[in-house]
Protein backbone atom coordinates (compact mmCIF):
# COMPACT_ATOMS: atom_id res chain seq x y z
CA MET A 1 -0.12 0.02 0.25
CA ILE A 2 1.50 3.04 -1.35
CA ASN A 3 -0.35 6.09 -1.61
CA SER A 4 1.75 8.52 -3.85
CA SER A 5 0.76 12.05 -2.08
CA ILE A 6 2.81 10.64 0.31
CA PHE A 7 5.89 11.75 -0.91
CA LYS A 8 6.14 15.16 0.26
CA ALA A 9 8.71 18.43 -0.18
CA TYR A 10 11.06 17.03 2.82
CA ASP A 11 10.01 13.75 3.86
CA ILE A 12 7.50 10.68 2.93
CA ARG A 13 4.57 10.69 5.34
CA GLY A 14 1.17 9.70 5.30
CA ILE A 15 -1.71 8.00 7.84
CA TYR A 16 -0.50 4.14 8.67
CA GLY A 17 -2.97 1.66 7.43
CA LYS A 18 -4.29 4.09 4.77
CA ASP A 19 -1.41 5.72 2.99
CA ILE A 20 1.43 3.72 3.87
CA ASP A 21 1.81 -0.12 5.40
CA GLU A 22 4.59 -2.62 5.84
CA ASP A 23 4.54 -3.86 2.36
CA GLY A 24 4.54 0.00 1.25
CA ILE A 25 7.54 0.66 3.48
CA GLU A 26 9.05 -2.67 1.90
CA GLN A 27 8.98 -1.12 -1.44
CA ILE A 28 10.26 2.34 -0.29
CA SER A 29 13.23 0.99 1.74
CA LYS A 30 14.06 -0.85 -1.92
CA ALA A 31 13.65 2.39 -3.57
CA ILE A 32 15.86 4.05 -0.98
CA TYR A 33 18.55 1.51 -1.37
CA THR A 34 18.32 1.52 -4.93
CA PHE A 35 18.44 5.35 -5.57
CA PHE A 36 21.49 5.29 -2.62
CA VAL A 37 23.09 2.83 -5.01
CA LYS A 38 23.12 5.10 -7.88
CA LYS A 39 23.69 8.38 -5.97
CA LEU A 40 26.96 6.79 -4.26
CA GLY A 41 28.41 4.53 -6.86
CA LYS A 42 28.47 1.49 -4.99
CA GLN A 43 26.39 -1.36 -3.69
CA ASP A 44 27.86 -2.77 -0.23
CA LEU A 45 26.30 0.44 1.86
CA LYS A 46 26.84 0.80 5.15
CA ILE A 47 22.89 2.46 6.35
CA VAL A 48 22.26 3.67 9.71
CA LEU A 49 18.26 3.19 10.75
CA GLY A 50 16.53 4.94 13.68
CA CYS A 51 13.21 5.31 14.80
CA ASP A 52 10.53 7.12 16.68
CA MET A 53 8.06 5.47 19.15
CA ARG A 54 4.67 5.91 17.11
CA ILE A 55 2.25 2.87 17.66
CA SER A 56 3.09 1.75 14.01
CA THR A 57 6.75 2.10 14.37
CA PRO A 58 8.06 -1.13 15.45
CA SER A 59 6.36 -3.28 12.56
CA LEU A 60 7.58 -0.88 10.13
CA PHE A 61 10.94 -0.55 11.21
CA GLU A 62 11.50 -4.11 11.23
CA ARG A 63 10.32 -4.76 7.52
CA SER A 64 12.07 -1.72 6.59
CA LYS A 65 15.64 -3.31 8.55
CA LYS A 66 14.90 -6.90 7.06
CA THR A 67 14.48 -5.26 3.20
CA PHE A 68 17.44 -3.30 3.52
CA ALA A 69 19.69 -6.23 4.76
CA GLU A 70 17.98 -8.46 1.84
CA ALA A 71 19.05 -5.82 -0.66
CA GLY A 72 22.66 -6.32 0.62
CA ALA A 73 23.17 -3.58 2.99
CA THR A 74 24.96 -3.20 6.58
CA VAL A 75 22.19 -2.13 8.81
CA ILE A 76 23.39 -0.23 11.68
CA ASP A 77 20.39 -0.32 13.98
CA VAL A 78 20.56 2.38 16.45
CA GLY A 79 16.79 1.63 17.43
CA LEU A 80 14.81 4.48 19.57
CA VAL A 81 16.76 7.98 18.65
CA ALA A 82 15.69 11.49 17.73
CA THR A 83 16.17 12.52 14.45
CA PRO A 84 19.28 14.46 15.12
CA THR A 85 20.96 11.49 16.53
CA LEU A 86 20.18 9.65 13.55
CA TYR A 87 21.79 12.46 11.72
CA PHE A 88 24.64 12.60 13.69
CA ALA A 89 25.45 8.33 13.81
CA SER A 90 25.20 8.90 9.95
CA LEU A 91 28.01 11.79 9.81
CA HIS A 92 30.66 10.86 12.76
CA TYR A 93 30.68 7.39 12.14
CA ASP A 94 31.02 7.63 8.51
CA TYR A 95 28.18 5.56 7.45
CA ASP A 96 27.00 6.05 3.59
CA GLY A 97 23.10 7.02 4.46
CA GLY A 98 20.31 7.30 7.13
CA VAL A 99 17.30 6.39 7.38
CA MET A 100 14.71 7.65 10.13
CA ILE A 101 11.28 5.98 10.60
CA THR A 102 9.18 8.76 12.00
CA ALA A 103 6.34 10.99 11.03
CA SER A 104 8.44 14.05 12.60
CA HIS A 105 5.26 16.40 14.42
CA ASN A 106 2.21 14.94 13.10
CA PRO A 107 -0.53 13.21 14.67
CA LYS A 108 -0.62 9.91 16.08
CA GLU A 109 -1.88 8.10 13.24
CA TYR A 110 0.61 9.41 10.90
CA ASN A 111 4.07 7.62 9.62
CA GLY A 112 6.52 7.71 7.34
CA LEU A 113 10.18 8.07 6.71
CA LYS A 114 13.18 11.12 6.73
CA PHE A 115 16.67 9.88 5.04
CA VAL A 116 20.17 11.49 3.96
CA VAL A 117 23.08 10.14 1.84
CA ARG A 118 26.79 11.42 3.03
CA GLN A 119 28.57 13.24 1.09
CA GLY A 120 31.95 13.33 2.85
CA ASN A 121 31.27 15.83 5.26
CA LYS A 122 27.79 16.69 3.87
CA LEU A 123 24.51 15.49 4.67
CA LEU A 124 21.87 15.50 1.56
CA LYS A 125 18.66 15.02 2.91
CA ILE A 126 16.41 13.76 0.26
CA GLY A 127 13.36 16.15 -0.47
CA LYS A 128 11.65 17.40 -3.46
CA GLU A 129 14.66 19.33 -5.19
CA SER A 130 17.33 16.47 -4.17
CA GLY A 131 15.63 13.31 -5.59
CA MET A 132 12.25 12.93 -3.71
CA GLU A 133 10.72 12.14 -7.49
CA GLU A 134 13.25 9.99 -8.39
CA VAL A 135 12.79 7.51 -5.03
CA LYS A 136 8.64 8.02 -5.44
CA ASN A 137 9.15 6.72 -9.07
CA ILE A 138 10.98 3.94 -8.38
CA ALA A 139 8.96 2.53 -5.51
CA LEU A 140 5.95 2.98 -7.66
CA GLN A 141 7.30 1.60 -10.83
CA LYS A 142 9.01 -1.14 -8.58
CA GLN A 143 12.42 -0.45 -10.88
CA PHE A 144 14.44 -2.04 -7.71
CA LEU A 145 18.00 -3.33 -8.00
CA PRO A 146 17.49 -7.09 -7.67
CA LEU A 147 17.87 -7.97 -3.59
CA LYS A 148 21.47 -9.83 -3.06
CA ALA A 149 20.33 -11.42 0.12
CA SER A 150 23.71 -10.65 1.38
CA GLY A 151 23.22 -8.15 4.20
CA LYS A 152 23.52 -7.63 7.84
CA ILE A 153 22.39 -6.08 10.81
CA ILE A 154 24.67 -4.31 13.44
CA LYS A 155 23.12 -3.17 16.64
CA ARG A 156 24.83 0.05 17.90
CA GLU A 157 24.72 1.44 21.24
CA ASN A 158 25.41 5.07 23.17
CA VAL A 159 24.89 7.10 20.23
CA VAL A 160 23.20 9.80 21.95
CA LYS A 161 25.78 9.53 24.44
CA ASP A 162 28.59 9.93 22.18
CA GLU A 163 26.58 12.52 19.95
CA ILE A 164 26.47 14.83 23.45
CA GLU A 165 30.23 14.28 24.86
CA LYS A 166 30.83 15.74 20.88
CA SER A 167 28.33 19.01 21.44
CA LEU A 168 29.50 19.27 25.01
CA SER A 169 33.15 19.90 24.29
CA HIS A 170 32.32 23.02 22.50
CA PHE A 171 31.76 24.70 25.85
CA ASP A 172 32.81 25.09 29.60
CA PHE A 173 29.73 24.72 32.07
CA SER A 174 32.23 24.31 35.16
CA LYS A 175 31.26 27.28 36.57
CA MET A 176 27.39 27.33 35.39
CA LYS A 177 24.79 28.34 38.48
CA LYS A 178 22.06 25.86 38.99
CA LEU A 179 18.90 26.56 36.88
CA LYS A 180 15.14 25.33 37.21
CA ILE A 181 14.38 23.81 34.30
CA ILE A 182 11.25 22.42 32.97
CA ILE A 183 10.96 20.02 30.01
CA ASP A 184 7.92 18.92 27.99
CA SER A 185 9.00 16.54 25.61
CA ALA A 186 5.42 15.66 24.74
CA ASN A 187 5.95 11.87 25.05
CA GLY A 188 8.46 11.96 22.08
CA MET A 189 12.01 11.07 21.30
CA GLY A 190 13.69 15.05 22.51
CA ILE A 191 13.95 13.51 26.17
CA LEU A 192 16.45 11.25 24.93
CA TYR A 193 19.13 13.84 24.28
CA LEU A 194 17.85 15.92 26.99
CA ASN A 195 18.49 13.37 29.93
CA GLU A 196 22.18 13.08 28.46
CA ILE A 197 22.72 16.59 28.34
CA PHE A 198 21.52 17.07 32.07
CA LYS A 199 23.73 14.27 33.29
CA HIS A 200 26.45 16.74 32.32
CA ILE A 201 24.98 19.88 33.79
CA PRO A 202 23.83 20.72 36.93
CA ALA A 203 20.14 21.49 36.80
CA ASP A 204 16.84 21.25 38.69
CA ILE A 205 14.85 19.32 36.40
CA ILE A 206 10.60 18.92 36.12
CA ARG A 207 10.03 16.42 33.20
CA MET A 208 6.71 16.69 32.04
CA ASN A 209 5.01 14.21 29.41
CA GLU A 210 8.39 12.27 29.29
CA LYS A 211 7.25 8.68 28.77
CA LEU A 212 7.87 7.65 25.25
CA ASP A 213 4.44 7.44 24.06
CA GLY A 214 3.00 7.03 20.40
CA THR A 215 -0.68 7.88 21.42
CA PHE A 216 0.73 11.59 22.79
CA PRO A 217 -1.94 11.36 25.37
CA ALA A 218 -1.08 14.70 26.56
CA HIS A 219 -1.03 16.87 23.68
CA GLU A 220 -0.06 17.20 19.93
CA ALA A 221 4.00 16.74 19.98
CA ASN A 222 4.07 20.05 18.15
CA PRO A 223 5.54 23.40 19.93
CA LEU A 224 5.23 25.47 16.72
CA LYS A 225 1.27 25.17 17.62
CA PHE A 226 1.81 27.36 20.69
CA GLU A 227 -1.47 25.99 22.23
CA THR A 228 0.20 22.98 22.84
CA LEU A 229 2.75 24.86 25.20
CA LYS A 230 0.01 26.29 27.52
CA ASP A 231 0.97 23.65 30.47
CA ILE A 232 4.26 24.36 30.29
CA GLN A 233 3.74 27.93 30.46
CA LYS A 234 1.61 27.35 33.48
CA LYS A 235 4.40 24.89 35.15
CA ILE A 236 7.02 27.30 34.56
CA VAL A 237 5.46 30.19 36.45
CA GLU A 238 4.20 27.98 39.26
CA GLU A 239 7.56 26.52 40.03
CA LYS A 240 9.67 29.74 39.23
CA ALA A 241 11.77 27.93 37.20
CA ASP A 242 14.15 30.01 34.70
CA LEU A 243 13.73 27.70 31.47
CA GLY A 244 11.17 25.68 29.70
CA ILE A 245 12.32 23.64 26.67
CA ALA A 246 9.65 21.82 24.11
CA PRO A 247 10.76 19.83 21.45
CA ASP A 248 8.63 18.32 18.61
CA ALA A 249 8.09 14.42 18.43
CA ASP A 250 10.83 13.14 16.86
CA GLY A 251 13.10 15.89 18.71
CA ASP A 252 14.60 18.05 15.45
CA ARG A 253 12.85 20.78 15.99
CA ILE A 254 12.81 22.67 19.65
CA PHE A 255 11.38 25.77 21.37
CA PHE A 256 12.24 27.72 24.38
CA LEU A 257 10.37 29.79 27.02
CA ASP A 258 11.75 32.30 29.38
CA GLU A 259 11.16 32.42 33.36
CA LYS A 260 7.84 34.34 32.57
CA GLY A 261 6.60 31.53 30.70
CA GLN A 262 6.93 33.40 27.42
CA ILE A 263 7.69 31.63 24.17
CA ILE A 264 10.75 32.54 22.43
CA PRO A 265 10.37 33.24 18.87
CA ALA A 266 12.83 30.93 16.53
CA ALA A 267 14.14 33.92 15.16
CA MET A 268 15.78 35.20 18.89
CA THR A 269 17.02 31.53 19.29
CA THR A 270 18.83 31.99 15.85
CA SER A 271 20.18 35.36 17.09
CA ILE A 272 21.40 34.13 20.53
CA ILE A 273 23.25 30.88 18.58
CA ALA A 274 24.49 33.45 15.51
CA ASP A 275 26.17 35.73 18.09
CA GLN A 276 28.39 33.23 19.84
CA VAL A 277 29.16 31.19 16.38
CA LEU A 278 30.41 34.59 14.90
CA GLU A 279 32.25 35.81 17.88
CA LYS A 280 34.36 32.76 17.58
CA ASN A 281 34.35 32.44 13.53
CA PRO A 282 34.25 36.03 12.26
CA GLY A 283 33.36 36.45 8.86
CA GLU A 284 30.99 33.50 8.27
CA LEU A 285 27.99 33.02 6.73
CA ILE A 286 24.30 32.58 8.65
CA LEU A 287 21.42 31.25 6.97
CA VAL A 288 17.72 31.71 7.55
CA ASP A 289 14.80 31.09 6.27
CA ILE A 290 12.43 34.10 4.04
CA ARG A 291 9.64 34.32 7.04
CA TYR A 292 11.81 36.17 9.26
CA ILE A 293 15.21 38.09 8.71
CA ARG A 294 15.35 41.37 10.19
CA ASN A 295 16.55 40.30 13.89
CA VAL A 296 19.30 38.04 12.63
CA GLN A 297 20.15 40.60 10.08
CA LYS A 298 21.22 43.02 12.69
CA VAL A 299 22.80 40.39 14.88
CA VAL A 300 24.89 39.06 12.06
CA LYS A 301 25.75 42.96 10.53
CA ASP A 302 26.90 43.41 14.34
CA ARG A 303 29.38 40.77 14.21
CA GLY A 304 30.57 41.27 10.95
CA GLY A 305 29.09 38.48 9.61
CA LYS A 306 27.52 37.33 6.11
CA ILE A 307 23.80 36.45 5.59
CA SER A 308 21.80 34.43 3.18
CA ILE A 309 18.24 34.06 2.67
CA SER A 310 16.62 30.46 2.13
CA LYS A 311 13.29 28.65 0.93
CA VAL A 312 11.20 27.59 3.58
CA GLY A 313 11.48 23.42 4.50
CA HIS A 314 14.31 22.02 6.54
CA ALA A 315 15.58 19.75 3.33
CA LEU A 316 15.70 22.64 1.36
CA ILE A 317 17.66 25.05 3.65
CA THR A 318 20.27 22.20 4.37
CA LYS A 319 20.99 22.01 0.89
CA GLN A 320 21.63 25.91 0.45
CA MET A 321 23.62 25.59 3.50
CA ALA A 322 25.79 23.00 2.00
CA ASP A 323 26.22 24.54 -1.21
CA GLU A 324 27.17 28.13 0.22
CA ASP A 325 28.99 26.46 3.05
CA GLY A 326 27.16 28.66 6.00
CA ILE A 327 28.47 28.06 9.93
CA PHE A 328 24.91 28.06 11.23
CA ALA A 329 21.23 28.41 9.74
CA GLY A 330 18.22 28.76 11.69
CA GLU A 331 14.81 28.47 10.69
CA SER A 332 11.33 30.16 11.54
CA SER A 333 9.73 26.59 12.74
CA GLY A 334 12.62 25.74 15.15
CA HIS A 335 15.00 23.63 13.08
CA TYR A 336 18.69 24.77 13.62
CA PHE A 337 21.42 23.47 11.33
CA PHE A 338 25.03 23.14 11.83
CA ARG A 339 27.95 22.80 9.29
CA GLU A 340 30.02 20.58 11.75
CA THR A 341 26.69 18.24 11.59
CA GLY A 342 26.73 17.87 8.06
CA TYR A 343 24.85 21.09 7.77
CA ALA A 344 21.96 19.31 9.49
CA GLU A 345 19.90 19.38 12.73
CA ASN A 346 21.54 19.08 16.19
CA SER A 347 19.13 19.93 18.80
CA GLY A 348 21.22 18.92 21.74
CA MET A 349 23.61 21.88 20.46
CA VAL A 350 21.23 24.40 20.17
CA VAL A 351 20.13 23.73 23.69
CA LEU A 352 23.38 24.28 25.01
CA TYR A 353 23.93 27.11 23.17
CA VAL A 354 21.06 28.79 24.96
CA LEU A 355 22.58 27.81 28.42
CA ASN A 356 25.96 28.84 27.53
CA ALA A 357 23.94 32.21 26.73
CA MET A 358 22.62 32.25 30.15
CA ASN A 359 25.89 31.12 31.91
CA ARG A 360 27.84 33.84 30.35
CA GLU A 361 25.39 36.76 31.14
CA ASN A 362 24.12 35.55 34.33
CA LYS A 363 20.50 37.05 33.05
CA PRO A 364 17.12 35.83 33.29
CA LEU A 365 16.32 34.66 29.58
CA SER A 366 13.69 37.47 29.01
CA GLU A 367 16.55 40.02 29.38
CA ILE A 368 19.23 38.39 27.47
CA VAL A 369 16.30 37.93 24.40
CA ARG A 370 15.42 41.59 24.73
CA LYS A 371 19.02 42.59 23.51
CA TYR A 372 18.64 40.81 20.30
CA HIS A 373 14.84 41.90 19.58
CA SER A 374 15.44 45.08 17.51
CA SER A 375 11.95 43.95 15.27
CA PRO A 376 9.10 42.60 16.53
CA GLU A 377 7.18 40.05 14.67
CA SER A 378 3.30 39.05 13.67
CA GLY A 379 3.80 35.24 13.78
CA GLU A 380 3.07 33.16 11.12
CA VAL A 381 -1.12 33.34 10.32
CA ASN A 382 -2.98 30.99 8.13
CA PHE A 383 -5.34 31.28 5.52
CA GLU A 384 -7.51 28.58 3.44
CA LEU A 385 -7.70 29.73 0.28
CA SER A 386 -11.61 29.32 -1.55
CA LYS A 387 -11.78 26.46 -4.07
CA GLY A 388 -9.85 27.40 -7.57
CA THR A 389 -7.90 30.58 -6.25
CA ASN A 390 -5.40 31.30 -8.83
CA VAL A 391 -2.10 32.06 -6.19
CA LYS A 392 0.21 33.49 -8.53
CA ALA A 393 -2.33 36.10 -9.65
CA LEU A 394 -2.94 36.95 -6.22
CA LEU A 395 0.28 37.81 -5.09
CA SER A 396 0.79 39.44 -8.14
CA ASP A 397 -2.11 41.65 -7.32
CA ILE A 398 -1.10 42.28 -3.97
CA GLU A 399 2.73 43.10 -5.36
CA LYS A 400 1.11 45.80 -7.19
CA GLY A 401 0.30 47.61 -4.01
CA TYR A 402 3.71 47.75 -3.12
CA THR A 403 5.79 48.42 -6.25
CA ASP A 404 8.01 51.13 -3.90
CA GLY A 405 9.35 48.19 -2.03
CA GLU A 406 12.03 45.58 -2.95
CA SER A 407 10.25 42.48 -4.10
CA SER A 408 11.35 38.57 -4.23
CA TRP A 409 10.06 35.74 -5.57
CA LEU A 410 12.06 33.12 -4.01
CA ASP A 411 9.42 31.57 -1.84
CA GLY A 412 6.06 33.03 -2.54
CA LEU A 413 6.38 37.24 -2.44
CA SER A 414 8.38 39.13 -0.20
CA VAL A 415 8.60 42.75 -0.34
CA THR A 416 10.82 44.76 1.89
CA TYR A 417 11.32 48.19 2.62
CA PRO A 418 13.73 50.42 4.61
CA ASP A 419 11.24 49.60 8.07
CA TRP A 420 9.06 46.81 7.55
CA ARG A 421 8.87 43.65 5.40
CA PHE A 422 6.54 40.90 4.43
CA ASN A 423 6.59 37.47 3.26
CA ILE A 424 3.43 35.58 1.90
CA ARG A 425 3.74 31.97 0.76
CA THR A 426 1.66 28.72 0.30
CA SER A 427 2.50 25.86 2.76
CA ASN A 428 4.47 22.87 1.15
CA THR A 429 2.49 20.65 3.16
CA GLU A 430 -1.20 21.99 3.41
CA PRO A 431 -4.00 23.78 1.47
CA LEU A 432 -2.91 27.05 3.21
CA MET A 433 -1.57 30.63 2.19
CA ARG A 434 0.83 31.95 4.92
CA LEU A 435 1.53 35.68 5.94
CA ASN A 436 4.53 36.74 8.26
CA VAL A 437 4.81 40.43 8.49
CA GLU A 438 7.79 41.98 10.68
CA ALA A 439 8.54 45.74 11.33
CA ALA A 440 11.10 48.40 13.14
CA ASN A 441 7.80 48.61 15.71
CA ASP A 442 4.52 47.28 17.38
CA SER A 443 2.45 49.45 15.57
CA LEU A 444 4.04 49.23 12.15
CA VAL A 445 3.64 45.17 12.45
CA LYS A 446 -0.28 45.51 13.02
CA GLU A 447 -0.89 48.31 10.92
CA LYS A 448 0.88 46.37 7.13
CA PHE A 449 -0.49 42.73 9.32
CA GLU A 450 -4.11 44.07 8.70
CA GLU A 451 -3.61 45.65 5.30
CA LEU A 452 -2.50 42.50 3.92
CA LYS A 453 -5.13 40.58 5.44
CA LYS A 454 -7.53 42.65 4.23
CA LYS A 455 -6.12 41.87 0.60
CA ILE A 456 -6.07 38.29 1.17
CA MET A 457 -9.49 38.25 2.70
CA ALA A 458 -10.67 39.96 -0.30
CA SER A 459 -9.36 36.86 -2.53
CA GLY A 460 -12.33 34.65 -0.69
CA ALA A 461 -9.59 33.32 1.77
CA THR A 462 -10.40 32.92 5.50
CA MET A 463 -8.06 33.28 8.13
CA LYS A 464 -7.48 30.12 10.21
CA SER A 465 -7.48 30.51 14.30
């Protein structure tokens, strides 16, 4: 069973039992192996295989593992891990590629795969601009290499331990003041690397929803939906905590909350990290996605670095970052990428950079964030388009009202002025139009947001709450 719509812009994802099942993942695994062989020009592949905690994962994982071994690969089974740990293993141990059985932050009924090819010190994520269409065609047309049945399966332990030890080697927390930290891992994989971090850093940790549970009994494991953070916000205030940490289901996306329970926008986390990275590596290139750039731009300029703007999507920003040899990148959805981790996410490193900023400055996180907050943001707002809307025509019509600004069609429509800018784009994963506005002050953000909202809704679109 394979529904062709599961081959997404950044990964493979669908409803288990409806869009994807064990037979389907066998076909997909054969297709990935065939693609890897063509890409790397060899058949004796070493492929890391990891998985999340979803109810449907064990049977999909076992079928995929068996299929790769029958194809002739040496399968390195790292078991239950966060997606960044799978990336770490692929690069650090010099394997040829990695495959993660996960549906990321999607609800419990979903499952799928994320996968990467290692090319030297780079991890190439397979997405719509880097081979996903080829994998789809191989899978659907069953154009597989013949199975050799000569592969083997090796179990690898202590990967998370190695990952965090390597990340910790960049920092000195020997004089760190003990913090009180609330972690809501939403019953997902992020708790594994967070637990490992706090074996090495003194902190009073209060864990919420820490048990791995693919039914997500507390709430959806998607911190980008800020309503899922209400419980941790309340807990931070009740416990008078210093920091809140909220990863998504597979741990490659992460959000932070300050001592007041306020959610730290991803652009602020990017700014905090970019400042430290450029302090040690002056003149390097930082990447941000098209949605929010002003705050990071100021930090990079002040530090004498360079900035590059990418399309939205973790596979897309990873590829551009590798092509341009950026040292660090941050995405507005809470993904963060490092050159030293193959241009892939390393959420443990992100946590350590935030802790390091608090350690160095010895101030509440809200005060640290304030230092970097030069431009307020609207937050991303979604609009459901009426049936038959011509998106390009709608955006072109909106552009006509802003001809005195600097336009870009890199990803949707962006228009930039000296004191404000906006981006309107359609989602890669849902039938939605997304609006983001940032400006020099709150009143200008509000004014321009309302102005653009009216233009979008005039097309018959409705704003989603």
